[in-house]
């Protein structure tokens, strides 16, 4: 199953395509994906959307050996991408993936059995906005303990880092279950020891069937990864999974698979993979 555990990151600040090159890369993707990329006005947003889609197809091709032009990726009602495939190998009983982009990075993570969600953030604030005032806009989404840790983190930058770490964990959890909604985030509380041994409490109850990690990507970015039991998936997302029930031994074999480090990829590498 370990091959199904992948973590890839693309620094899009290193890719500055000409309009012709951008259009050429776009043609590597199915036509139905094009409108969701071209709907963005700014080139930076188009780049993020294009690389996000390209990462999904490249990762599926790499792990499952499905030809690029035969890969079918759809989305749930909540917008979570999933692979439509009736021929998954038994070693990947619930192959699923999740993508995120913010700032300079587009990232993807996959798991063979557990749900996976991730969220990348850039330690920045909107232009000309005070850090503390910016963070206060989101105070209602945090528990009293989380908010205390955020505002008491130290300098303005430390407050921003603490805020984004908690925020990315909450987003990773919500994306893992396929919810796609920010409402109720105040009920999702994270406990940690120096950002290790991270646990989640939902509605006051610690969920033992989940694991979380925070990683620094460099250039002022961090990424949170969440993995947990398929039974927590939303109804629409659960319908896309092959299985939602596992015996204890089988599930923990998936839960305890090593969380690999993020591997840097370039757009050129993804293009090359599409042609294999």
Foldseek 3Di string as FASTA:
>chain_A
DLLQWAKAKEQCVPPDDDPVVLVVLVVLADPVLVCVLVVDDDPVSSSLSSVLVLVVLLSCCVRVVDASVPWDWDAFPLGFIFTDDPDDDPQQQFWGKEWEDEDRMIMMTIFRAWQKFKYKYFLDDPPPDQLVVRLVVCVVLAEPVLVVCLVPLDDSSSSSVSSVVLVGQLRGVCVSQPNNDSPQNHQWYWDDDVQPPIWIGGNNRTDPFKDKHWADPDPRMIMMMMTGQQVSHDPRVNVSTNDRDDPPVVSVVRRPRDNDDYDYDYVVNSVVSNVD
